Amino acid sequence: MSVLSNLAILRALDAGRLRIEPRPTPGPDAPGSPFNASSVDLRLASELRVPKRNMSLTFDLRQGNIAETLDSICEPYEMGASGFLLEPHQFVLGRTIELVALPAGGGLAARIEGRSSFARTGLLIHFTAPTIHAGFEGTITLEIMNLGPIPLTLTPALPICQLVLERVEGPVLESPSQFHGQSTASGQRRS
């Protein structure tokens, strides 16, 4: 595995091997930059999907249609300036403001990782699915949970996670997932 540096990420953006919209600014050498040595921070969109309370159903994972099921068991929540109070052991779905595109011929894949300072408060932003495959295009869904002992406030545009880019060896036979092109936290596509 070969991870791209901040300068290599910028070169990939300039060459069209990677697209992040809106493009992260300022650059790595400026104060307040979203670029770390080998990643770039992505921000939390204002829309969350919050599971409905007191549901009495079983989710059979063999049935598929995960995006549709999530839409039916979650309610949209639009964060205002005051944000959203994530209680201990509460789970919500969020997404990044940024659309990420990894063209299949670009030789890149990525993974999403939490920020260590937030993890130390108990904030988890993905469980087991950090991989963003070559050929993917869409916003990144975040599986957010507070594993800490105190409530945490989530706010719109919070730099909540890091995108780590990796080189892919060999040609890619495209195999779009059910979430390719997603634009909502549940995985649905908006037209």
C-alpha atoms as a PDB file:
ATOM      1  CA  MET A   1       0.000   0.000   0.000  1.00  0.00           C
ATOM      2  CA  SER A   2       1.306   3.420  -0.941  1.00  0.00           C
ATOM      3  CA  VAL A   3      -0.353   6.455   0.699  1.00  0.00           C
ATOM      4  CA  LEU A   4      -0.272   9.829  -1.062  1.00  0.00           C
ATOM      5  CA  SER A   5       1.344  12.820   0.632  1.00  0.00           C
ATOM      6  CA  ASN A   6      -0.403  16.197   0.755  1.00  0.00           C
ATOM      7  CA  LEU A   7       1.609  17.374  -2.280  1.00  0.00           C
ATOM      8  CA  ALA A   8       0.772  14.164  -4.180  1.00  0.00           C
ATOM      9  CA  ILE A   9      -2.923  14.735  -3.350  1.00  0.00           C
ATOM     10  CA  LEU A  10      -2.686  18.216  -4.858  1.00  0.00           C
ATOM     11  CA  ARG A  11      -1.010  16.796  -7.990  1.00  0.00           C
ATOM     12  CA  ALA A  12      -3.791  14.176  -8.304  1.00  0.00           C
ATOM     13  CA  LEU A  13      -6.417  16.941  -8.034  1.00  0.00           C
ATOM     14  CA  ASP A  14      -4.634  19.044 -10.674  1.00  0.00           C
ATOM     15  CA  ALA A  15      -4.276  16.041 -13.014  1.00  0.00           C
ATOM     16  CA  GLY A  16      -7.944  14.989 -12.681  1.00  0.00           C
ATOM     17  CA  ARG A  17      -7.049  11.624 -11.116  1.00  0.00           C
ATOM     18  CA  LEU A  18      -9.017  12.786  -8.058  1.00  0.00           C
ATOM     19  CA  ARG A  19     -11.903  15.204  -7.742  1.00  0.00           C
ATOM     20  CA  ILE A  20     -13.061  16.784  -4.489  1.00  0.00           C
ATOM     21  CA  GLU A  21     -15.883  19.326  -4.837  1.00  0.00           C
ATOM     22  CA  PRO A  22     -15.698  21.883  -3.477  1.00  0.00           C
ATOM     23  CA  ARG A  23     -11.930  21.713  -3.716  1.00  0.00           C
ATOM     24  CA  PRO A  24     -10.244  21.909  -0.302  1.00  0.00           C
ATOM     25  CA  THR A  25      -8.550  25.234   0.442  1.00  0.00           C
ATOM     26  CA  PRO A  26      -6.175  26.709   1.483  1.00  0.00           C
ATOM     27  CA  GLY A  27      -3.157  24.642   0.438  1.00  0.00           C
ATOM     28  CA  PRO A  28      -0.905  22.648   2.791  1.00  0.00           C
ATOM     29  CA  ASP A  29       1.438  25.545   3.546  1.00  0.00           C
ATOM     30  CA  ALA A  30      -1.278  27.949   4.765  1.00  0.00           C
ATOM     31  CA  PRO A  31      -2.766  28.375   8.253  1.00  0.00           C
ATOM     32  CA  GLY A  32      -6.124  26.607   8.615  1.00  0.00           C
ATOM     33  CA  SER A  33      -5.358  24.197   5.771  1.00  0.00           C
ATOM     34  CA  PRO A  34      -7.458  21.016   5.565  1.00  0.00           C
ATOM     35  CA  PHE A  35      -4.364  19.187   4.236  1.00  0.00           C
ATOM     36  CA  ASN A  36      -2.432  17.030   6.697  1.00  0.00           C
ATOM     37  CA  ALA A  37       0.897  15.344   5.845  1.00  0.00           C
ATOM     38  CA  SER A  38      -0.858  12.364   4.191  1.00  0.00           C
ATOM     39  CA  SER A  39      -4.596  13.146   4.183  1.00  0.00           C
ATOM     40  CA  VAL A  40      -7.153  15.885   3.649  1.00  0.00           C
ATOM     41  CA  ASP A  41      -9.956  16.764   6.063  1.00  0.00           C
ATOM     42  CA  LEU A  42     -13.561  16.537   4.894  1.00  0.00           C
ATOM     43  CA  ARG A  43     -16.465  18.418   6.493  1.00  0.00           C
ATOM     44  CA  LEU A  44     -19.818  17.318   7.900  1.00  0.00           C
ATOM     45  CA  ALA A  45     -22.887  18.294   5.870  1.00  0.00           C
ATOM     46  CA  SER A  46     -25.804  19.890   7.724  1.00  0.00           C
ATOM     47  CA  GLU A  47     -28.226  17.009   7.071  1.00  0.00           C
ATOM     48  CA  LEU A  48     -28.211  13.984   9.380  1.00  0.00           C
ATOM     49  CA  ARG A  49     -30.352  10.856   9.315  1.00  0.00           C
ATOM     50  CA  VAL A  50     -31.498   9.967  12.843  1.00  0.00           C
ATOM     51  CA  PRO A  51     -33.044   6.540  13.564  1.00  0.00           C
ATOM     52  CA  LYS A  52     -36.640   6.762  14.778  1.00  0.00           C
ATOM     53  CA  ARG A  53     -37.114   5.928  18.435  1.00  0.00           C
ATOM     54  CA  ASN A  54     -39.029   2.936  19.789  1.00  0.00           C
ATOM     55  CA  MET A  55     -39.055   0.939  16.570  1.00  0.00           C
ATOM     56  CA  SER A  56     -40.087  -2.671  16.869  1.00  0.00           C
ATOM     57  CA  LEU A  57     -38.718  -4.303  13.749  1.00  0.00           C
ATOM     58  CA  THR A  58     -35.904  -6.529  12.669  1.00  0.00           C
ATOM     59  CA  PHE A  59     -33.590  -5.526   9.841  1.00  0.00           C
ATOM     60  CA  ASP A  60     -32.813  -8.645   7.775  1.00  0.00           C
ATOM     61  CA  LEU A  61     -29.483  -7.801   6.128  1.00  0.00           C
ATOM     62  CA  ARG A  62     -29.975 -10.563   3.525  1.00  0.00           C
ATOM     63  CA  GLN A  63     -32.810  -8.602   1.928  1.00  0.00           C
ATOM     64  CA  GLY A  64     -30.655  -5.822   0.436  1.00  0.00           C
ATOM     65  CA  ASN A  65     -32.225  -2.443  -0.392  1.00  0.00           C
ATOM     66  CA  ILE A  66     -30.233  -0.925   2.438  1.00  0.00           C
ATOM     67  CA  ALA A  67     -30.612   2.698   1.273  1.00  0.00           C
ATOM     68  CA  GLU A  68     -34.405   2.350   1.015  1.00  0.00           C
ATOM     69  CA  THR A  69     -34.653   0.656   4.414  1.00  0.00           C
ATOM     70  CA  LEU A  70     -32.474   3.304   6.063  1.00  0.00           C
ATOM     71  CA  ASP A  71     -34.672   6.016   4.561  1.00  0.00           C
ATOM     72  CA  SER A  72     -37.738   4.359   6.076  1.00  0.00           C
ATOM     73  CA  ILE A  73     -36.303   3.910   9.585  1.00  0.00           C
ATOM     74  CA  CYS A  74     -34.490   7.250   9.854  1.00  0.00           C
ATOM     75  CA  GLU A  75     -35.774  10.783   9.998  1.00  0.00           C
ATOM     76  CA  PRO A  76     -33.954  13.691   8.374  1.00  0.00           C
ATOM     77  CA  TYR A  77     -32.540  16.263  10.753  1.00  0.00           C
ATOM     78  CA  GLU A  78     -31.248  19.580   9.447  1.00  0.00           C
ATOM     79  CA  MET A  79     -28.624  21.021  11.776  1.00  0.00           C
ATOM     80  CA  GLY A  80     -28.780  24.731  12.315  1.00  0.00           C
ATOM     81  CA  ALA A  81     -25.947  26.823  13.699  1.00  0.00           C
ATOM     82  CA  SER A  82     -26.425  25.269  17.147  1.00  0.00           C
ATOM     83  CA  GLY A  83     -25.782  21.800  15.718  1.00  0.00           C
ATOM     84  CA  PHE A  84     -26.949  18.404  16.949  1.00  0.00           C
ATOM     85  CA  LEU A  85     -26.352  16.972  20.423  1.00  0.00           C
ATOM     86  CA  LEU A  86     -25.121  13.387  20.004  1.00  0.00           C
ATOM     87  CA  GLU A  87     -25.873  11.562  23.236  1.00  0.00           C
ATOM     88  CA  PRO A  88     -23.672   8.739  24.602  1.00  0.00           C
ATOM     89  CA  HIS A  89     -24.335   5.499  22.647  1.00  0.00           C
ATOM     90  CA  GLN A  90     -26.445   7.341  20.061  1.00  0.00           C
ATOM     91  CA  PHE A  91     -26.024   6.485  16.376  1.00  0.00           C
ATOM     92  CA  VAL A  92     -26.736   8.770  13.398  1.00  0.00           C
ATOM     93  CA  LEU A  93     -25.819   8.828   9.729  1.00  0.00           C
ATOM     94  CA  GLY A  94     -24.105  11.858   8.275  1.00  0.00           C
ATOM     95  CA  ARG A  95     -22.317  12.662   5.066  1.00  0.00           C
ATOM     96  CA  THR A  96     -19.538  14.881   3.861  1.00  0.00           C
ATOM     97  CA  ILE A  97     -20.155  18.234   2.239  1.00  0.00           C
ATOM     98  CA  GLU A  98     -17.545  17.282  -0.336  1.00  0.00           C
ATOM     99  CA  LEU A  99     -18.265  15.050  -3.286  1.00  0.00           C
ATOM    100  CA  VAL A 100     -15.339  12.700  -3.887  1.00  0.00           C
ATOM    101  CA  ALA A 101     -14.665  11.134  -7.295  1.00  0.00           C
ATOM    102  CA  LEU A 102     -11.981   8.521  -7.942  1.00  0.00           C
ATOM    103  CA  PRO A 103     -12.049   7.892 -11.711  1.00  0.00           C
ATOM    104  CA  ALA A 104     -11.394   4.201 -12.466  1.00  0.00           C
ATOM    105  CA  GLY A 105      -8.448   5.067 -14.705  1.00  0.00           C
ATOM    106  CA  GLY A 106      -6.924   7.409 -12.127  1.00  0.00           C
ATOM    107  CA  GLY A 107      -5.134   4.663 -10.196  1.00  0.00           C
ATOM    108  CA  LEU A 108      -6.466   5.771  -6.816  1.00  0.00           C
ATOM    109  CA  ALA A 109      -8.645   4.378  -4.043  1.00  0.00           C
ATOM    110  CA  ALA A 110      -9.197   5.956  -0.635  1.00  0.00           C
ATOM    111  CA  ARG A 111     -10.297   5.343   2.898  1.00  0.00           C
ATOM    112  CA  ILE A 112     -12.030   7.530   5.379  1.00  0.00           C
ATOM    113  CA  GLU A 113     -10.606   7.800   8.873  1.00  0.00           C
ATOM    114  CA  GLY A 114     -11.626   9.590  12.019  1.00  0.00           C
ATOM    115  CA  ARG A 115      -9.657  12.411  13.541  1.00  0.00           C
ATOM    116  CA  SER A 116      -7.654  11.255  16.571  1.00  0.00           C
ATOM    117  CA  SER A 117      -8.548  14.284  18.688  1.00  0.00           C
ATOM    118  CA  PHE A 118     -12.277  13.590  18.194  1.00  0.00           C
ATOM    119  CA  ALA A 119     -11.797   9.841  18.740  1.00  0.00           C
ATOM    120  CA  ARG A 120     -10.396  10.618  22.170  1.00  0.00           C
ATOM    121  CA  THR A 121     -13.798  12.052  23.130  1.00  0.00           C
ATOM    122  CA  GLY A 122     -15.476   8.807  22.019  1.00  0.00           C
ATOM    123  CA  LEU A 123     -16.584   9.986  18.563  1.00  0.00           C
ATOM    124  CA  LEU A 124     -16.613   7.205  15.976  1.00  0.00           C
ATOM    125  CA  ILE A 125     -17.227   8.205  12.345  1.00  0.00           C
ATOM    126  CA  HIS A 126     -17.109   4.801  10.646  1.00  0.00           C
ATOM    127  CA  PHE A 127     -17.451   1.246  11.879  1.00  0.00           C
ATOM    128  CA  THR A 128     -16.090  -1.223   9.362  1.00  0.00           C
ATOM    129  CA  ALA A 129     -16.421   0.410   5.955  1.00  0.00           C
ATOM    130  CA  PRO A 130     -13.634   2.950   5.456  1.00  0.00           C
ATOM    131  CA  THR A 131     -12.838   1.869   1.875  1.00  0.00           C
ATOM    132  CA  ILE A 132     -13.736   4.075  -1.089  1.00  0.00           C
ATOM    133  CA  HIS A 133     -13.108   2.035  -4.219  1.00  0.00           C
ATOM    134  CA  ALA A 134     -11.597   3.192  -7.494  1.00  0.00           C
ATOM    135  CA  GLY A 135     -14.434   4.375  -9.724  1.00  0.00           C
ATOM    136  CA  PHE A 136     -16.568   5.725  -6.844  1.00  0.00           C
ATOM    137  CA  GLU A 137     -18.230   9.112  -7.102  1.00  0.00           C
ATOM    138  CA  GLY A 138     -20.478  10.678  -4.463  1.00  0.00           C
ATOM    139  CA  THR A 139     -20.546  12.146  -1.008  1.00  0.00           C
ATOM    140  CA  ILE A 140     -19.140   9.950   1.756  1.00  0.00           C
ATOM    141  CA  THR A 141     -21.591   8.499   4.274  1.00  0.00           C
ATOM    142  CA  LEU A 142     -20.402   8.581   7.871  1.00  0.00           C
ATOM    143  CA  GLU A 143     -21.645   6.082  10.465  1.00  0.00           C
ATOM    144  CA  ILE A 144     -21.399   8.349  13.512  1.00  0.00           C
ATOM    145  CA  MET A 145     -21.636   7.122  17.093  1.00  0.00           C
ATOM    146  CA  ASN A 146     -20.757   8.584  20.476  1.00  0.00           C
ATOM    147  CA  LEU A 147     -18.966   5.888  22.468  1.00  0.00           C
ATOM    148  CA  GLY A 148     -17.902   8.395  25.122  1.00  0.00           C
ATOM    149  CA  PRO A 149     -19.475   9.221  28.486  1.00  0.00           C
ATOM    150  CA  ILE A 150     -20.716  12.753  27.672  1.00  0.00           C
ATOM    151  CA  PRO A 151     -22.833  14.323  24.901  1.00  0.00           C
ATOM    152  CA  LEU A 152     -20.966  15.728  21.891  1.00  0.00           C
ATOM    153  CA  THR A 153     -22.120  18.594  19.691  1.00  0.00           C
ATOM    154  CA  LEU A 154     -21.936  18.066  15.933  1.00  0.00           C
ATOM    155  CA  THR A 155     -22.093  21.200  13.785  1.00  0.00           C
ATOM    156  CA  PRO A 156     -22.384  21.858  10.057  1.00  0.00           C
ATOM    157  CA  ALA A 157     -19.033  22.150   8.247  1.00  0.00           C
ATOM    158  CA  LEU A 158     -17.145  20.520  11.157  1.00  0.00           C
ATOM    159  CA  PRO A 159     -13.908  18.978   9.786  1.00  0.00           C
ATOM    160  CA  ILE A 160     -15.007  15.533  10.985  1.00  0.00           C
ATOM    161  CA  CYS A 161     -12.875  13.024   9.084  1.00  0.00           C
ATOM    162  CA  GLN A 162      -9.786  12.504   6.945  1.00  0.00           C
ATOM    163  CA  LEU A 163      -9.581  11.185   3.402  1.00  0.00           C
ATOM    164  CA  VAL A 164      -6.463   9.030   2.928  1.00  0.00           C
ATOM    165  CA  LEU A 165      -5.581   8.271  -0.711  1.00  0.00           C
ATOM    166  CA  GLU A 166      -3.804   5.136  -1.886  1.00  0.00           C
ATOM    167  CA  ARG A 167      -2.400   3.962  -5.194  1.00  0.00           C
ATOM    168  CA  VAL A 168      -4.166   1.077  -6.940  1.00  0.00           C
ATOM    169  CA  GLU A 169      -1.971  -1.384  -8.841  1.00  0.00           C
ATOM    170  CA  GLY A 170      -3.240  -2.695 -12.155  1.00  0.00           C
ATOM    171  CA  PRO A 171      -6.278  -1.860 -14.259  1.00  0.00           C
ATOM    172  CA  VAL A 172      -9.696  -1.664 -12.628  1.00  0.00           C
ATOM    173  CA  LEU A 173     -12.788  -3.445 -13.918  1.00  0.00           C
ATOM    174  CA  GLU A 174     -15.546  -1.100 -12.747  1.00  0.00           C
ATOM    175  CA  SER A 175     -18.009  -2.619 -10.304  1.00  0.00           C
ATOM    176  CA  PRO A 176     -20.228   0.216  -9.016  1.00  0.00           C
ATOM    177  CA  SER A 177     -21.748  -0.418  -5.598  1.00  0.00           C
ATOM    178  CA  GLN A 178     -25.333   0.331  -4.674  1.00  0.00           C
ATOM    179  CA  PHE A 179     -24.055   3.577  -3.152  1.00  0.00           C
ATOM    180  CA  HIS A 180     -22.231   4.882  -6.249  1.00  0.00           C
ATOM    181  CA  GLY A 181     -23.492   8.417  -6.872  1.00  0.00           C
ATOM    182  CA  GLN A 182     -25.048   8.754  -3.428  1.00  0.00           C
ATOM    183  CA  SER A 183     -25.976  12.218  -2.249  1.00  0.00           C
ATOM    184  CA  THR A 184     -27.772  11.459   1.018  1.00  0.00           C
ATOM    185  CA  ALA A 185     -26.528   9.932   4.250  1.00  0.00           C
ATOM    186  CA  SER A 186     -28.740   6.868   3.763  1.00  0.00           C
ATOM    187  CA  GLY A 187     -27.223   6.219   0.333  1.00  0.00           C
ATOM    188  CA  GLN A 188     -30.054   7.443  -1.861  1.00  0.00           C
ATOM    189  CA  ARG A 189     -29.344   9.407  -5.041  1.00  0.00           C
ATOM    190  CA  ARG A 190     -31.028  12.766  -5.512  1.00  0.00           C
ATOM    191  CA  SER A 191     -31.795  13.851  -9.035  1.00  0.00           C
END
